[in-house]
Amino acid sequence: MITNDMVKASETGGVKPMSITGRYTRERERLLGMTDEERAFRKQWLKDQELTAREPRPVPEMYKATYNPIRRFYRAPLDKLGEAIEPMVGPKRAMYIRYFTGKFFLGVAATYWVTYYFKYNGNDWTRKGGWKIIKSRESVVPGDPGYPKLSDKCKPQDYADRGFSKTDLNL
């Protein structure tokens, strides 16, 4: 039994979907043999698939129905850019320019954010969190110049310093 809720949620309204192309979309089916009536149907179907000069027709209300107000708001600047350059470069290139301009600005914003975060949120003695960047010691094997390379950390205070010894404590 089909209820109203099922019909609303279904793309086909509760009816089994069927192909309007018939069984002759596959080449193998056509090679098996077609009657004159089936050939006429297929010829008419192929002719119906051709677009006229008026098609595809843009529907302005479709944009409002497809995109919510917030998305329309943040898309507006690049949409205006695309509309402005479309007469000069054509619709397809304007779409590409609009798309890649948005991605470029997102990349620049991400780069600035990462730079800011690493610059001002380091793991030092003044805070608990932040990125901690650890440099590994250079490996020195017998036969290399300066072979018995000792650690740069000589005193116990040098370990887990987190930049404390480099600060100016003249408060």
N, C-alpha and C. Protein backbone atom coordinates (compact mmCIF):
# COMPACT_ATOMS: atom_id res chain seq x y z
N MET A 1 0.83 -1.17 0.00
CA MET A 1 0.00 0.00 0.00
C MET A 1 0.88 1.24 0.00
N ILE A 2 0.61 2.19 -0.88
CA ILE A 2 1.38 3.41 -1.00
C ILE A 2 0.66 4.53 -0.25
N THR A 3 1.39 5.17 0.67
CA THR A 3 0.80 6.28 1.43
C THR A 3 1.22 7.61 0.80
N ASN A 4 0.61 8.69 1.25
CA ASN A 4 0.96 10.01 0.73
C ASN A 4 2.40 10.39 1.02
N ASP A 5 2.93 9.96 2.19
CA ASP A 5 4.31 10.26 2.53
C ASP A 5 5.27 9.58 1.58
N MET A 6 4.95 8.39 1.15
CA MET A 6 5.83 7.66 0.23
C MET A 6 5.82 8.33 -1.14
N VAL A 7 4.68 8.81 -1.56
CA VAL A 7 4.58 9.45 -2.87
C VAL A 7 5.36 10.75 -2.89
N LYS A 8 5.31 11.52 -1.81
CA LYS A 8 6.03 12.79 -1.75
C LYS A 8 7.54 12.57 -1.75
N ALA A 9 8.02 11.50 -1.12
CA ALA A 9 9.44 11.26 -1.02
C ALA A 9 10.00 10.60 -2.28
N SER A 10 9.15 10.03 -3.11
CA SER A 10 9.61 9.32 -4.30
C SER A 10 9.80 10.29 -5.46
N GLU A 11 10.86 10.06 -6.25
CA GLU A 11 11.11 10.91 -7.41
C GLU A 11 10.09 10.65 -8.52
N THR A 12 9.51 9.47 -8.55
CA THR A 12 8.58 9.13 -9.62
C THR A 12 7.13 9.17 -9.16
N GLY A 13 6.88 9.64 -7.94
CA GLY A 13 5.51 9.74 -7.45
C GLY A 13 4.89 8.39 -7.15
N GLY A 14 5.68 7.40 -6.81
CA GLY A 14 5.16 6.09 -6.47
C GLY A 14 4.96 5.17 -7.65
N VAL A 15 5.25 5.64 -8.87
CA VAL A 15 5.10 4.84 -10.08
C VAL A 15 6.48 4.30 -10.46
N LYS A 16 6.52 3.07 -10.93
CA LYS A 16 7.80 2.50 -11.35
C LYS A 16 8.34 3.32 -12.52
N PRO A 17 9.62 3.68 -12.50
CA PRO A 17 10.18 4.46 -13.61
C PRO A 17 10.29 3.61 -14.87
N MET A 18 10.07 4.23 -16.00
CA MET A 18 10.22 3.52 -17.28
C MET A 18 10.99 4.39 -18.24
N SER A 19 11.64 3.78 -19.18
CA SER A 19 12.44 4.50 -20.15
C SER A 19 11.56 4.92 -21.32
N ILE A 20 11.72 6.19 -21.74
CA ILE A 20 10.94 6.65 -22.90
C ILE A 20 11.63 6.27 -24.20
N THR A 21 12.83 5.73 -24.12
CA THR A 21 13.58 5.40 -25.33
C THR A 21 13.17 4.06 -25.91
N GLY A 22 12.49 3.26 -25.16
CA GLY A 22 12.15 1.93 -25.65
C GLY A 22 13.32 1.00 -25.48
N ARG A 23 13.20 -0.17 -26.06
CA ARG A 23 14.27 -1.15 -25.87
C ARG A 23 15.37 -0.98 -26.90
N TYR A 24 15.27 -0.02 -27.79
CA TYR A 24 16.23 0.10 -28.88
C TYR A 24 17.34 1.12 -28.60
N THR A 25 17.59 1.43 -27.35
CA THR A 25 18.74 2.29 -27.03
C THR A 25 20.03 1.51 -27.15
N ARG A 26 19.96 0.21 -26.93
CA ARG A 26 21.16 -0.64 -27.03
C ARG A 26 21.32 -1.12 -28.48
N GLU A 27 22.52 -1.05 -28.97
CA GLU A 27 22.81 -1.42 -30.35
C GLU A 27 22.48 -2.89 -30.62
N ARG A 28 22.72 -3.73 -29.66
CA ARG A 28 22.47 -5.16 -29.83
C ARG A 28 20.99 -5.43 -30.11
N GLU A 29 20.13 -4.70 -29.41
CA GLU A 29 18.68 -4.87 -29.64
C GLU A 29 18.30 -4.44 -31.05
N ARG A 30 18.92 -3.38 -31.54
CA ARG A 30 18.60 -2.90 -32.90
C ARG A 30 19.10 -3.88 -33.96
N LEU A 31 20.23 -4.53 -33.70
CA LEU A 31 20.79 -5.45 -34.67
C LEU A 31 19.98 -6.75 -34.77
N LEU A 32 19.20 -7.07 -33.74
CA LEU A 32 18.38 -8.27 -33.78
C LEU A 32 17.26 -8.16 -34.81
N GLY A 33 16.93 -6.97 -35.17
CA GLY A 33 15.90 -6.76 -36.17
C GLY A 33 14.80 -5.86 -35.65
N MET A 34 14.36 -4.94 -36.49
CA MET A 34 13.31 -4.01 -36.11
C MET A 34 12.23 -4.03 -37.20
N THR A 35 11.00 -3.88 -36.77
CA THR A 35 9.91 -3.77 -37.73
C THR A 35 9.88 -2.35 -38.27
N ASP A 36 9.10 -2.15 -39.35
CA ASP A 36 8.99 -0.80 -39.91
C ASP A 36 8.38 0.18 -38.90
N GLU A 37 7.44 -0.33 -38.11
CA GLU A 37 6.81 0.51 -37.09
C GLU A 37 7.84 0.93 -36.03
N GLU A 38 8.72 0.00 -35.62
CA GLU A 38 9.73 0.30 -34.64
C GLU A 38 10.78 1.26 -35.21
N ARG A 39 11.11 1.10 -36.49
CA ARG A 39 12.04 2.03 -37.13
C ARG A 39 11.48 3.45 -37.16
N ALA A 40 10.19 3.56 -37.46
CA ALA A 40 9.54 4.87 -37.49
C ALA A 40 9.54 5.50 -36.10
N PHE A 41 9.27 4.66 -35.06
CA PHE A 41 9.29 5.16 -33.69
C PHE A 41 10.68 5.65 -33.33
N ARG A 42 11.70 4.86 -33.66
CA ARG A 42 13.08 5.24 -33.34
C ARG A 42 13.49 6.50 -34.10
N LYS A 43 13.12 6.62 -35.34
CA LYS A 43 13.45 7.81 -36.14
C LYS A 43 12.81 9.05 -35.53
N GLN A 44 11.55 8.92 -35.13
CA GLN A 44 10.85 10.06 -34.53
C GLN A 44 11.48 10.41 -33.17
N TRP A 45 11.85 9.39 -32.40
CA TRP A 45 12.46 9.64 -31.10
C TRP A 45 13.79 10.37 -31.25
N LEU A 46 14.63 9.96 -32.22
CA LEU A 46 15.90 10.63 -32.45
C LEU A 46 15.69 12.07 -32.90
N LYS A 47 14.67 12.28 -33.73
CA LYS A 47 14.37 13.64 -34.19
C LYS A 47 13.91 14.51 -33.03
N ASP A 48 13.17 13.94 -32.09
CA ASP A 48 12.68 14.69 -30.93
C ASP A 48 13.81 15.10 -29.98
N GLN A 49 14.95 14.42 -30.06
CA GLN A 49 16.06 14.74 -29.18
C GLN A 49 16.84 15.96 -29.63
N GLU A 50 16.66 16.40 -30.86
CA GLU A 50 17.37 17.57 -31.37
C GLU A 50 16.77 18.83 -30.77
N LEU A 51 17.64 19.73 -30.34
CA LEU A 51 17.19 20.98 -29.76
C LEU A 51 16.92 22.01 -30.85
N THR A 52 15.94 22.85 -30.61
CA THR A 52 15.67 23.93 -31.55
C THR A 52 16.55 25.12 -31.19
N ALA A 53 16.44 26.19 -31.95
CA ALA A 53 17.25 27.38 -31.69
C ALA A 53 16.86 28.04 -30.37
N ARG A 54 15.63 27.81 -29.89
CA ARG A 54 15.17 28.43 -28.65
C ARG A 54 15.61 27.65 -27.41
N GLU A 55 16.13 26.45 -27.59
CA GLU A 55 16.44 25.61 -26.44
C GLU A 55 17.94 25.56 -26.20
N PRO A 56 18.40 25.30 -25.02
CA PRO A 56 17.66 25.21 -23.77
C PRO A 56 17.23 26.60 -23.30
N ARG A 57 16.07 26.69 -22.75
CA ARG A 57 15.52 27.96 -22.29
C ARG A 57 15.87 28.16 -20.82
N PRO A 58 16.49 29.29 -20.48
CA PRO A 58 16.78 29.55 -19.07
C PRO A 58 15.50 29.94 -18.32
N VAL A 59 15.35 29.41 -17.13
CA VAL A 59 14.19 29.73 -16.30
C VAL A 59 14.71 30.50 -15.08
N PRO A 60 14.45 31.82 -15.00
CA PRO A 60 15.00 32.62 -13.90
C PRO A 60 14.54 32.15 -12.51
N GLU A 61 13.32 31.66 -12.41
CA GLU A 61 12.81 31.23 -11.11
C GLU A 61 13.54 29.96 -10.62
N MET A 62 14.15 29.22 -11.54
CA MET A 62 14.84 27.99 -11.17
C MET A 62 16.05 28.28 -10.28
N TYR A 63 16.73 29.41 -10.52
CA TYR A 63 17.89 29.78 -9.71
C TYR A 63 17.47 30.00 -8.26
N LYS A 64 16.37 30.72 -8.06
CA LYS A 64 15.89 30.97 -6.70
C LYS A 64 15.40 29.69 -6.04
N ALA A 65 14.80 28.81 -6.80
CA ALA A 65 14.29 27.56 -6.24
C ALA A 65 15.42 26.59 -5.91
N THR A 66 16.51 26.66 -6.65
CA THR A 66 17.61 25.71 -6.48
C THR A 66 18.55 26.12 -5.34
N TYR A 67 18.86 27.41 -5.24
CA TYR A 67 19.84 27.89 -4.26
C TYR A 67 19.15 28.63 -3.13
N ASN A 68 19.56 28.34 -1.88
CA ASN A 68 18.97 29.03 -0.74
C ASN A 68 19.53 30.45 -0.64
N PRO A 69 18.91 31.34 0.17
CA PRO A 69 19.34 32.75 0.22
C PRO A 69 20.79 32.95 0.64
N ILE A 70 21.28 32.13 1.56
CA ILE A 70 22.68 32.30 1.99
C ILE A 70 23.63 31.98 0.85
N ARG A 71 23.34 30.91 0.14
CA ARG A 71 24.20 30.54 -0.98
C ARG A 71 24.12 31.59 -2.09
N ARG A 72 22.95 32.11 -2.37
CA ARG A 72 22.82 33.17 -3.37
C ARG A 72 23.61 34.41 -2.97
N PHE A 73 23.66 34.70 -1.64
CA PHE A 73 24.37 35.87 -1.15
C PHE A 73 25.88 35.74 -1.39
N TYR A 74 26.48 34.59 -1.02
CA TYR A 74 27.92 34.49 -1.19
C TYR A 74 28.33 34.19 -2.63
N ARG A 75 27.41 33.75 -3.47
CA ARG A 75 27.71 33.56 -4.89
C ARG A 75 27.57 34.85 -5.70
N ALA A 76 26.88 35.84 -5.15
CA ALA A 76 26.54 37.05 -5.90
C ALA A 76 27.76 37.77 -6.50
N PRO A 77 28.86 38.01 -5.76
CA PRO A 77 29.98 38.74 -6.38
C PRO A 77 30.55 38.05 -7.62
N LEU A 78 30.76 36.75 -7.53
CA LEU A 78 31.31 36.05 -8.69
C LEU A 78 30.29 35.89 -9.81
N ASP A 79 29.00 35.82 -9.46
CA ASP A 79 27.97 35.80 -10.49
C ASP A 79 27.98 37.10 -11.29
N LYS A 80 28.14 38.22 -10.58
CA LYS A 80 28.21 39.53 -11.25
C LYS A 80 29.45 39.60 -12.14
N LEU A 81 30.57 39.06 -11.66
CA LEU A 81 31.79 39.04 -12.47
C LEU A 81 31.56 38.22 -13.74
N GLY A 82 30.93 37.05 -13.59
CA GLY A 82 30.65 36.20 -14.75
C GLY A 82 29.73 36.89 -15.75
N GLU A 83 28.70 37.59 -15.26
CA GLU A 83 27.80 38.32 -16.15
C GLU A 83 28.52 39.45 -16.88
N ALA A 84 29.47 40.10 -16.20
CA ALA A 84 30.18 41.23 -16.80
C ALA A 84 31.13 40.78 -17.90
N ILE A 85 31.79 39.64 -17.72
CA ILE A 85 32.79 39.22 -18.72
C ILE A 85 32.21 38.30 -19.78
N GLU A 86 30.97 37.83 -19.59
CA GLU A 86 30.39 36.90 -20.56
C GLU A 86 30.30 37.46 -21.98
N PRO A 87 29.92 38.73 -22.19
CA PRO A 87 29.88 39.25 -23.57
C PRO A 87 31.26 39.29 -24.22
N MET A 88 32.32 39.41 -23.42
CA MET A 88 33.66 39.53 -23.99
C MET A 88 34.29 38.17 -24.30
N VAL A 89 34.06 37.18 -23.43
CA VAL A 89 34.77 35.90 -23.59
C VAL A 89 33.85 34.74 -23.94
N GLY A 90 32.55 34.92 -23.84
CA GLY A 90 31.61 33.84 -24.13
C GLY A 90 31.15 33.16 -22.85
N PRO A 91 30.03 32.43 -22.94
CA PRO A 91 29.46 31.85 -21.72
C PRO A 91 30.32 30.75 -21.09
N LYS A 92 30.93 29.90 -21.90
CA LYS A 92 31.70 28.78 -21.35
C LYS A 92 32.97 29.28 -20.66
N ARG A 93 33.71 30.17 -21.30
CA ARG A 93 34.93 30.70 -20.69
C ARG A 93 34.61 31.55 -19.48
N ALA A 94 33.48 32.27 -19.52
CA ALA A 94 33.07 33.07 -18.35
C ALA A 94 32.79 32.15 -17.17
N MET A 95 32.18 31.01 -17.43
CA MET A 95 31.92 30.05 -16.36
C MET A 95 33.23 29.52 -15.76
N TYR A 96 34.21 29.21 -16.62
CA TYR A 96 35.50 28.73 -16.13
C TYR A 96 36.22 29.82 -15.33
N ILE A 97 36.20 31.04 -15.83
CA ILE A 97 36.86 32.14 -15.12
C ILE A 97 36.21 32.36 -13.77
N ARG A 98 34.88 32.33 -13.73
CA ARG A 98 34.15 32.51 -12.47
C ARG A 98 34.52 31.40 -11.49
N TYR A 99 34.57 30.17 -11.96
CA TYR A 99 34.88 29.03 -11.11
C TYR A 99 36.29 29.12 -10.53
N PHE A 100 37.28 29.34 -11.41
CA PHE A 100 38.67 29.33 -10.96
C PHE A 100 39.03 30.59 -10.17
N THR A 101 38.33 31.71 -10.40
CA THR A 101 38.55 32.90 -9.58
C THR A 101 38.14 32.62 -8.14
N GLY A 102 37.01 31.98 -7.96
CA GLY A 102 36.56 31.62 -6.61
C GLY A 102 37.54 30.69 -5.93
N LYS A 103 38.02 29.67 -6.66
CA LYS A 103 38.97 28.73 -6.07
C LYS A 103 40.29 29.42 -5.73
N PHE A 104 40.72 30.36 -6.57
CA PHE A 104 41.95 31.10 -6.31
C PHE A 104 41.83 31.90 -5.01
N PHE A 105 40.72 32.62 -4.85
CA PHE A 105 40.54 33.41 -3.62
C PHE A 105 40.41 32.52 -2.39
N LEU A 106 39.80 31.36 -2.52
CA LEU A 106 39.76 30.42 -1.39
C LEU A 106 41.16 29.94 -1.04
N GLY A 107 41.98 29.68 -2.04
CA GLY A 107 43.36 29.26 -1.79
C GLY A 107 44.17 30.35 -1.12
N VAL A 108 43.99 31.60 -1.56
CA VAL A 108 44.71 32.73 -0.93
C VAL A 108 44.26 32.88 0.52
N ALA A 109 42.95 32.79 0.77
CA ALA A 109 42.44 32.92 2.14
C ALA A 109 42.98 31.79 3.01
N ALA A 110 43.04 30.57 2.49
CA ALA A 110 43.57 29.44 3.26
C ALA A 110 45.06 29.64 3.56
N THR A 111 45.80 30.17 2.59
CA THR A 111 47.23 30.42 2.80
C THR A 111 47.43 31.47 3.89
N TYR A 112 46.66 32.56 3.83
CA TYR A 112 46.76 33.58 4.87
C TYR A 112 46.41 33.02 6.24
N TRP A 113 45.37 32.21 6.30
CA TRP A 113 44.95 31.64 7.58
C TRP A 113 46.03 30.74 8.16
N VAL A 114 46.61 29.86 7.33
CA VAL A 114 47.65 28.95 7.81
C VAL A 114 48.88 29.75 8.25
N THR A 115 49.25 30.78 7.48
CA THR A 115 50.40 31.60 7.84
C THR A 115 50.16 32.29 9.18
N TYR A 116 49.00 32.88 9.34
CA TYR A 116 48.66 33.55 10.60
C TYR A 116 48.69 32.56 11.76
N TYR A 117 48.10 31.39 11.55
CA TYR A 117 48.02 30.41 12.63
C TYR A 117 49.42 29.98 13.08
N PHE A 118 50.31 29.66 12.13
CA PHE A 118 51.65 29.23 12.50
C PHE A 118 52.47 30.36 13.10
N LYS A 119 52.21 31.60 12.66
CA LYS A 119 53.00 32.72 13.16
C LYS A 119 52.62 33.09 14.59
N TYR A 120 51.33 33.09 14.90
CA TYR A 120 50.88 33.59 16.19
C TYR A 120 50.39 32.51 17.16
N ASN A 121 50.45 31.26 16.80
CA ASN A 121 49.99 30.19 17.68
C ASN A 121 51.05 29.11 17.85
N GLY A 122 52.27 29.53 18.06
CA GLY A 122 53.35 28.57 18.27
C GLY A 122 53.28 27.97 19.66
N ASN A 123 53.89 26.82 19.82
CA ASN A 123 53.91 26.15 21.11
C ASN A 123 55.12 26.68 21.89
N ASP A 124 54.90 27.68 22.73
CA ASP A 124 55.97 28.20 23.56
C ASP A 124 55.52 28.18 25.02
N TRP A 125 56.33 28.75 25.87
CA TRP A 125 56.07 28.67 27.31
C TRP A 125 54.86 29.49 27.74
N THR A 126 54.36 30.38 26.91
CA THR A 126 53.24 31.24 27.31
C THR A 126 51.88 30.59 27.11
N ARG A 127 51.80 29.45 26.46
CA ARG A 127 50.50 28.81 26.18
C ARG A 127 50.61 27.29 26.26
N LYS A 128 49.47 26.67 26.40
CA LYS A 128 49.44 25.20 26.47
C LYS A 128 49.46 24.57 25.07
N GLY A 129 48.68 25.13 24.15
CA GLY A 129 48.50 24.50 22.84
C GLY A 129 49.38 25.11 21.78
N GLY A 130 49.01 24.87 20.55
CA GLY A 130 49.74 25.40 19.41
C GLY A 130 50.58 24.31 18.74
N TRP A 131 51.08 24.65 17.58
CA TRP A 131 51.89 23.69 16.82
C TRP A 131 53.28 23.64 17.40
N LYS A 132 53.76 22.45 17.61
CA LYS A 132 55.11 22.25 18.11
C LYS A 132 55.95 21.69 16.97
N ILE A 133 56.94 22.44 16.56
CA ILE A 133 57.80 22.02 15.45
C ILE A 133 59.12 21.56 16.05
N ILE A 134 59.45 20.32 15.80
CA ILE A 134 60.66 19.72 16.36
C ILE A 134 61.62 19.44 15.23
N LYS A 135 62.86 19.89 15.39
CA LYS A 135 63.88 19.65 14.38
C LYS A 135 64.73 18.47 14.84
N SER A 136 64.88 17.49 13.99
CA SER A 136 65.69 16.32 14.34
C SER A 136 67.17 16.69 14.27
N ARG A 137 67.95 15.96 15.05
CA ARG A 137 69.39 16.19 15.01
C ARG A 137 69.96 15.67 13.70
N GLU A 138 71.00 16.32 13.25
CA GLU A 138 71.67 15.90 12.03
C GLU A 138 72.46 14.63 12.32
N SER A 139 72.32 13.64 11.43
CA SER A 139 73.04 12.39 11.67
C SER A 139 74.48 12.52 11.22
N VAL A 140 75.39 12.07 12.07
CA VAL A 140 76.82 12.11 11.77
C VAL A 140 77.36 10.71 12.04
N VAL A 141 77.99 10.12 11.03
CA VAL A 141 78.53 8.77 11.16
C VAL A 141 80.06 8.82 11.17
N PRO A 142 80.71 7.76 11.63
CA PRO A 142 82.18 7.77 11.63
C PRO A 142 82.72 8.01 10.23
N GLY A 143 83.70 8.90 10.15
CA GLY A 143 84.29 9.25 8.86
C GLY A 143 83.82 10.61 8.37
N ASP A 144 82.69 11.12 8.88
CA ASP A 144 82.22 12.46 8.52
C ASP A 144 83.02 13.51 9.27
N PRO A 145 83.18 14.70 8.68
CA PRO A 145 83.87 15.76 9.44
C PRO A 145 83.04 16.13 10.66
N GLY A 146 83.68 16.35 11.77
CA GLY A 146 82.99 16.68 13.02
C GLY A 146 82.27 15.47 13.58
N TYR A 147 82.89 14.27 13.44
CA TYR A 147 82.21 13.02 13.78
C TYR A 147 81.62 12.96 15.18
N PRO A 148 82.35 13.08 16.22
CA PRO A 148 81.58 12.94 17.46
C PRO A 148 80.82 14.23 17.72
N LYS A 149 79.70 14.43 17.00
CA LYS A 149 78.89 15.64 17.18
C LYS A 149 78.03 15.47 18.42
N LEU A 150 78.24 16.36 19.35
CA LEU A 150 77.50 16.30 20.59
C LEU A 150 76.23 17.14 20.47
N SER A 151 75.35 16.93 21.38
CA SER A 151 74.08 17.65 21.38
C SER A 151 74.30 19.13 21.68
N ASP A 152 73.42 19.97 21.13
CA ASP A 152 73.48 21.40 21.40
C ASP A 152 73.00 21.70 22.82
N LYS A 153 72.29 20.78 23.40
CA LYS A 153 71.76 20.96 24.74
C LYS A 153 72.76 20.46 25.76
N CYS A 154 73.35 21.40 26.49
CA CYS A 154 74.41 21.05 27.43
C CYS A 154 73.92 21.03 28.86
N LYS A 155 73.01 21.94 29.20
CA LYS A 155 72.55 22.08 30.58
C LYS A 155 71.14 21.50 30.69
N PRO A 156 70.73 21.12 31.87
CA PRO A 156 69.38 20.59 32.05
C PRO A 156 68.29 21.61 31.68
N GLN A 157 68.57 22.92 31.81
CA GLN A 157 67.59 23.94 31.47
C GLN A 157 67.29 23.98 29.97
N ASP A 158 68.17 23.44 29.15
CA ASP A 158 67.97 23.49 27.70
C ASP A 158 66.87 22.54 27.23
N TYR A 159 66.57 21.53 28.01
CA TYR A 159 65.54 20.57 27.63
C TYR A 159 64.17 21.11 28.03
N ALA A 160 63.18 20.94 27.18
CA ALA A 160 61.81 21.40 27.43
C ALA A 160 61.77 22.88 27.74
N ASP A 161 62.61 23.66 27.07
CA ASP A 161 62.69 25.10 27.30
C ASP A 161 61.50 25.84 26.70
N ARG A 162 61.07 25.40 25.55
CA ARG A 162 59.92 25.98 24.81
C ARG A 162 60.06 27.48 24.62
N GLY A 163 61.29 27.94 24.38
CA GLY A 163 61.53 29.35 24.08
C GLY A 163 61.61 30.26 25.29
N PHE A 164 61.62 29.72 26.51
CA PHE A 164 61.63 30.55 27.71
C PHE A 164 62.94 31.32 27.85
N SER A 165 64.06 30.67 27.55
CA SER A 165 65.37 31.32 27.74
C SER A 165 65.60 32.45 26.72
N LYS A 166 64.86 32.49 25.64
CA LYS A 166 65.05 33.53 24.62
C LYS A 166 64.17 34.74 24.84
N THR A 167 63.33 34.74 25.85
CA THR A 167 62.45 35.87 26.08
C THR A 167 63.11 36.93 26.93
N ASP A 168 62.62 38.15 26.78
CA ASP A 168 63.10 39.28 27.56
C ASP A 168 62.22 39.37 28.80
N LEU A 169 62.77 39.12 29.95
CA LEU A 169 61.97 39.09 31.18
C LEU A 169 62.05 40.40 31.94
N ASN A 170 62.37 41.49 31.27
CA ASN A 170 62.38 42.79 31.92
C ASN A 170 60.96 43.32 31.99
N LEU A 171 60.21 42.85 32.95
CA LEU A 171 58.81 43.23 33.07
C LEU A 171 58.61 44.50 33.83
